[in-house]
Amino acid sequence: MLDIVTQVAMLMVSLALVLNLWRLLRGPSLPDRILALDTMYINSIALLVLYGLSQASMLYFEAALLIALMGFVGTVALSKYLLRGDIIE
């Protein structure tokens, strides 16, 4: 039963990832694109966690943690660049 639920959840998260890619490419403004990129890395984290649950491997959880860290730093840097025009002062 858990296998079916994880497969359905992975399918839904993959669909959300594709829709975020559409918003990233089609976004009307730069903040919309940054938000879509932020949501894409969150969805990729969810996809890795679900895949780690289905494979019963701890390696995928560590990869999800690394993606979360890199995504946070990337979002902060892009937002700072958007607000000030310069990342390092």
N, C-alpha and C. Protein backbone atom coordinates (compact mmCIF):
# COMPACT_ATOMS: atom_id res chain seq x y z
N MET A 1 0.81 -1.19 0.00
CA MET A 1 0.00 0.00 0.00
C MET A 1 0.86 1.26 0.00
N LEU A 2 1.95 1.24 0.79
CA LEU A 2 2.83 2.41 0.84
C LEU A 2 3.51 2.64 -0.50
N ASP A 3 3.78 1.57 -1.23
CA ASP A 3 4.41 1.73 -2.55
C ASP A 3 3.50 2.47 -3.52
N ILE A 4 2.22 2.18 -3.48
CA ILE A 4 1.27 2.86 -4.36
C ILE A 4 1.16 4.33 -4.00
N VAL A 5 1.13 4.62 -2.71
CA VAL A 5 1.01 6.01 -2.26
C VAL A 5 2.25 6.81 -2.66
N THR A 6 3.44 6.23 -2.49
CA THR A 6 4.65 6.96 -2.87
C THR A 6 4.73 7.16 -4.38
N GLN A 7 4.27 6.19 -5.15
CA GLN A 7 4.26 6.36 -6.61
C GLN A 7 3.32 7.47 -7.04
N VAL A 8 2.13 7.52 -6.44
CA VAL A 8 1.17 8.59 -6.77
C VAL A 8 1.71 9.94 -6.33
N ALA A 9 2.30 10.00 -5.15
CA ALA A 9 2.87 11.26 -4.67
C ALA A 9 4.02 11.71 -5.55
N MET A 10 4.86 10.78 -6.00
CA MET A 10 5.97 11.13 -6.90
C MET A 10 5.43 11.65 -8.23
N LEU A 11 4.36 11.08 -8.72
CA LEU A 11 3.75 11.55 -9.95
C LEU A 11 3.21 12.96 -9.80
N MET A 12 2.57 13.25 -8.67
CA MET A 12 2.02 14.59 -8.43
C MET A 12 3.12 15.63 -8.27
N VAL A 13 4.18 15.28 -7.56
CA VAL A 13 5.29 16.21 -7.38
C VAL A 13 6.01 16.44 -8.71
N SER A 14 6.11 15.41 -9.53
CA SER A 14 6.73 15.57 -10.86
C SER A 14 5.89 16.49 -11.73
N LEU A 15 4.57 16.38 -11.65
CA LEU A 15 3.70 17.28 -12.39
C LEU A 15 3.86 18.71 -11.90
N ALA A 16 3.97 18.90 -10.59
CA ALA A 16 4.19 20.23 -10.04
C ALA A 16 5.54 20.79 -10.50
N LEU A 17 6.54 19.93 -10.63
CA LEU A 17 7.85 20.35 -11.11
C LEU A 17 7.78 20.83 -12.56
N VAL A 18 7.03 20.13 -13.38
CA VAL A 18 6.86 20.53 -14.78
C VAL A 18 6.10 21.85 -14.87
N LEU A 19 5.08 22.03 -14.05
CA LEU A 19 4.34 23.29 -14.06
C LEU A 19 5.21 24.45 -13.57
N ASN A 20 6.09 24.19 -12.61
CA ASN A 20 7.03 25.23 -12.18
C ASN A 20 8.02 25.58 -13.27
N LEU A 21 8.43 24.59 -14.03
CA LEU A 21 9.32 24.86 -15.16
C LEU A 21 8.62 25.75 -16.19
N TRP A 22 7.35 25.50 -16.41
CA TRP A 22 6.56 26.35 -17.31
C TRP A 22 6.52 27.80 -16.80
N ARG A 23 6.31 27.97 -15.49
CA ARG A 23 6.28 29.32 -14.93
C ARG A 23 7.66 29.96 -14.99
N LEU A 24 8.71 29.18 -14.84
CA LEU A 24 10.06 29.71 -14.93
C LEU A 24 10.36 30.23 -16.33
N LEU A 25 9.94 29.49 -17.33
CA LEU A 25 10.20 29.91 -18.70
C LEU A 25 9.24 31.00 -19.17
N ARG A 26 8.02 31.01 -18.68
CA ARG A 26 6.98 31.88 -19.18
C ARG A 26 6.67 33.05 -18.26
N GLY A 27 7.30 33.10 -17.08
CA GLY A 27 6.96 34.10 -16.07
C GLY A 27 6.97 35.52 -16.60
N PRO A 28 5.98 36.32 -16.22
CA PRO A 28 5.91 37.68 -16.75
C PRO A 28 6.98 38.61 -16.18
N SER A 29 7.46 38.33 -14.97
CA SER A 29 8.45 39.23 -14.38
C SER A 29 9.56 38.41 -13.70
N LEU A 30 10.62 39.10 -13.35
CA LEU A 30 11.76 38.44 -12.72
C LEU A 30 11.43 37.87 -11.33
N PRO A 31 10.66 38.57 -10.48
CA PRO A 31 10.30 37.94 -9.19
C PRO A 31 9.48 36.67 -9.35
N ASP A 32 8.63 36.61 -10.38
CA ASP A 32 7.87 35.38 -10.63
C ASP A 32 8.81 34.24 -10.99
N ARG A 33 9.83 34.53 -11.75
CA ARG A 33 10.79 33.49 -12.14
C ARG A 33 11.63 33.03 -10.96
N ILE A 34 12.00 33.95 -10.09
CA ILE A 34 12.76 33.57 -8.89
C ILE A 34 11.89 32.71 -7.98
N LEU A 35 10.63 33.05 -7.84
CA LEU A 35 9.72 32.26 -7.03
C LEU A 35 9.51 30.87 -7.63
N ALA A 36 9.42 30.79 -8.95
CA ALA A 36 9.28 29.49 -9.61
C ALA A 36 10.52 28.63 -9.39
N LEU A 37 11.70 29.25 -9.46
CA LEU A 37 12.95 28.51 -9.21
C LEU A 37 13.01 28.02 -7.77
N ASP A 38 12.57 28.85 -6.84
CA ASP A 38 12.54 28.46 -5.43
C ASP A 38 11.59 27.28 -5.22
N THR A 39 10.44 27.33 -5.85
CA THR A 39 9.48 26.25 -5.72
C THR A 39 9.98 24.98 -6.41
N MET A 40 10.76 25.13 -7.47
CA MET A 40 11.32 23.96 -8.15
C MET A 40 12.29 23.21 -7.27
N TYR A 41 13.12 23.93 -6.54
CA TYR A 41 14.06 23.18 -5.70
C TYR A 41 13.33 22.55 -4.51
N ILE A 42 12.26 23.16 -4.03
CA ILE A 42 11.48 22.53 -2.96
C ILE A 42 10.81 21.26 -3.47
N ASN A 43 10.30 21.31 -4.71
CA ASN A 43 9.69 20.11 -5.29
C ASN A 43 10.73 19.03 -5.56
N SER A 44 11.92 19.41 -5.94
CA SER A 44 12.96 18.40 -6.16
C SER A 44 13.38 17.76 -4.83
N ILE A 45 13.36 18.52 -3.75
CA ILE A 45 13.63 17.96 -2.43
C ILE A 45 12.55 16.94 -2.07
N ALA A 46 11.29 17.29 -2.30
CA ALA A 46 10.19 16.37 -2.01
C ALA A 46 10.30 15.11 -2.86
N LEU A 47 10.70 15.27 -4.11
CA LEU A 47 10.85 14.11 -4.99
C LEU A 47 11.97 13.20 -4.50
N LEU A 48 13.08 13.77 -4.06
CA LEU A 48 14.18 12.96 -3.54
C LEU A 48 13.79 12.25 -2.24
N VAL A 49 13.05 12.91 -1.38
CA VAL A 49 12.63 12.28 -0.13
C VAL A 49 11.67 11.13 -0.42
N LEU A 50 10.75 11.33 -1.33
CA LEU A 50 9.83 10.25 -1.68
C LEU A 50 10.56 9.08 -2.33
N TYR A 51 11.54 9.38 -3.17
CA TYR A 51 12.31 8.30 -3.79
C TYR A 51 13.15 7.57 -2.74
N GLY A 52 13.69 8.32 -1.78
CA GLY A 52 14.43 7.69 -0.69
C GLY A 52 13.55 6.79 0.17
N LEU A 53 12.29 7.21 0.36
CA LEU A 53 11.36 6.35 1.10
C LEU A 53 11.06 5.07 0.32
N SER A 54 10.87 5.18 -0.97
CA SER A 54 10.54 4.00 -1.76
C SER A 54 11.72 3.04 -1.90
N GLN A 55 12.96 3.56 -1.90
CA GLN A 55 14.14 2.72 -2.02
C GLN A 55 14.74 2.33 -0.68
N ALA A 56 14.26 2.92 0.40
CA ALA A 56 14.76 2.67 1.76
C ALA A 56 16.26 2.93 1.86
N SER A 57 16.67 4.09 1.33
CA SER A 57 18.08 4.46 1.35
C SER A 57 18.23 5.83 1.98
N MET A 58 19.21 5.97 2.85
CA MET A 58 19.46 7.24 3.53
C MET A 58 20.24 8.22 2.67
N LEU A 59 20.83 7.74 1.59
CA LEU A 59 21.64 8.60 0.73
C LEU A 59 20.80 9.71 0.10
N TYR A 60 19.58 9.42 -0.25
CA TYR A 60 18.72 10.41 -0.90
C TYR A 60 18.31 11.52 0.06
N PHE A 61 18.22 11.22 1.34
CA PHE A 61 17.89 12.23 2.32
C PHE A 61 19.04 13.22 2.48
N GLU A 62 20.26 12.72 2.41
CA GLU A 62 21.42 13.60 2.48
C GLU A 62 21.51 14.49 1.25
N ALA A 63 21.18 13.93 0.09
CA ALA A 63 21.17 14.73 -1.14
C ALA A 63 20.08 15.80 -1.07
N ALA A 64 18.94 15.47 -0.48
CA ALA A 64 17.87 16.45 -0.33
C ALA A 64 18.29 17.58 0.61
N LEU A 65 19.04 17.25 1.63
CA LEU A 65 19.54 18.27 2.55
C LEU A 65 20.52 19.20 1.86
N LEU A 66 21.39 18.66 1.02
CA LEU A 66 22.33 19.49 0.28
C LEU A 66 21.61 20.39 -0.72
N ILE A 67 20.60 19.88 -1.39
CA ILE A 67 19.84 20.70 -2.32
C ILE A 67 19.11 21.81 -1.58
N ALA A 68 18.59 21.53 -0.39
CA ALA A 68 17.92 22.55 0.40
C ALA A 68 18.88 23.67 0.78
N LEU A 69 20.08 23.31 1.17
CA LEU A 69 21.08 24.31 1.54
C LEU A 69 21.48 25.16 0.35
N MET A 70 21.76 24.53 -0.78
CA MET A 70 22.16 25.27 -1.97
C MET A 70 21.01 26.12 -2.52
N GLY A 71 19.79 25.60 -2.43
CA GLY A 71 18.64 26.36 -2.90
C GLY A 71 18.39 27.59 -2.06
N PHE A 72 18.56 27.48 -0.75
CA PHE A 72 18.38 28.64 0.12
C PHE A 72 19.40 29.72 -0.19
N VAL A 73 20.65 29.33 -0.32
CA VAL A 73 21.70 30.30 -0.62
C VAL A 73 21.46 30.94 -1.99
N GLY A 74 21.04 30.15 -2.96
CA GLY A 74 20.77 30.68 -4.30
C GLY A 74 19.60 31.65 -4.31
N THR A 75 18.56 31.35 -3.56
CA THR A 75 17.41 32.24 -3.49
C THR A 75 17.76 33.55 -2.81
N VAL A 76 18.54 33.49 -1.75
CA VAL A 76 18.96 34.71 -1.07
C VAL A 76 19.83 35.56 -1.99
N ALA A 77 20.75 34.93 -2.72
CA ALA A 77 21.62 35.68 -3.62
C ALA A 77 20.83 36.31 -4.76
N LEU A 78 19.89 35.58 -5.35
CA LEU A 78 19.08 36.15 -6.42
C LEU A 78 18.19 37.28 -5.93
N SER A 79 17.64 37.14 -4.76
CA SER A 79 16.79 38.21 -4.20
C SER A 79 17.60 39.45 -3.88
N LYS A 80 18.79 39.25 -3.35
CA LYS A 80 19.66 40.39 -3.06
C LYS A 80 20.08 41.09 -4.34
N TYR A 81 20.37 40.32 -5.38
CA TYR A 81 20.72 40.92 -6.65
C TYR A 81 19.54 41.68 -7.25
N LEU A 82 18.36 41.16 -7.08
CA LEU A 82 17.16 41.82 -7.61
C LEU A 82 16.89 43.12 -6.89
N LEU A 83 17.12 43.15 -5.58
CA LEU A 83 16.84 44.36 -4.81
C LEU A 83 17.92 45.43 -4.97
N ARG A 84 19.18 45.04 -4.93
CA ARG A 84 20.27 46.01 -4.91
C ARG A 84 21.08 46.09 -6.18
N GLY A 85 21.01 45.06 -7.02
CA GLY A 85 21.80 45.07 -8.24
C GLY A 85 23.21 44.56 -8.06
N ASP A 86 23.56 44.19 -6.81
CA ASP A 86 24.90 43.71 -6.52
C ASP A 86 24.78 42.66 -5.41
N ILE A 87 25.52 41.57 -5.54
CA ILE A 87 25.41 40.52 -4.54
C ILE A 87 26.38 40.78 -3.39
N ILE A 88 27.62 41.11 -3.71
CA ILE A 88 28.63 41.37 -2.69
C ILE A 88 28.86 42.87 -2.62
N GLU A 89 28.73 43.42 -1.42
CA GLU A 89 28.86 44.87 -1.25
C GLU A 89 30.29 45.27 -1.06
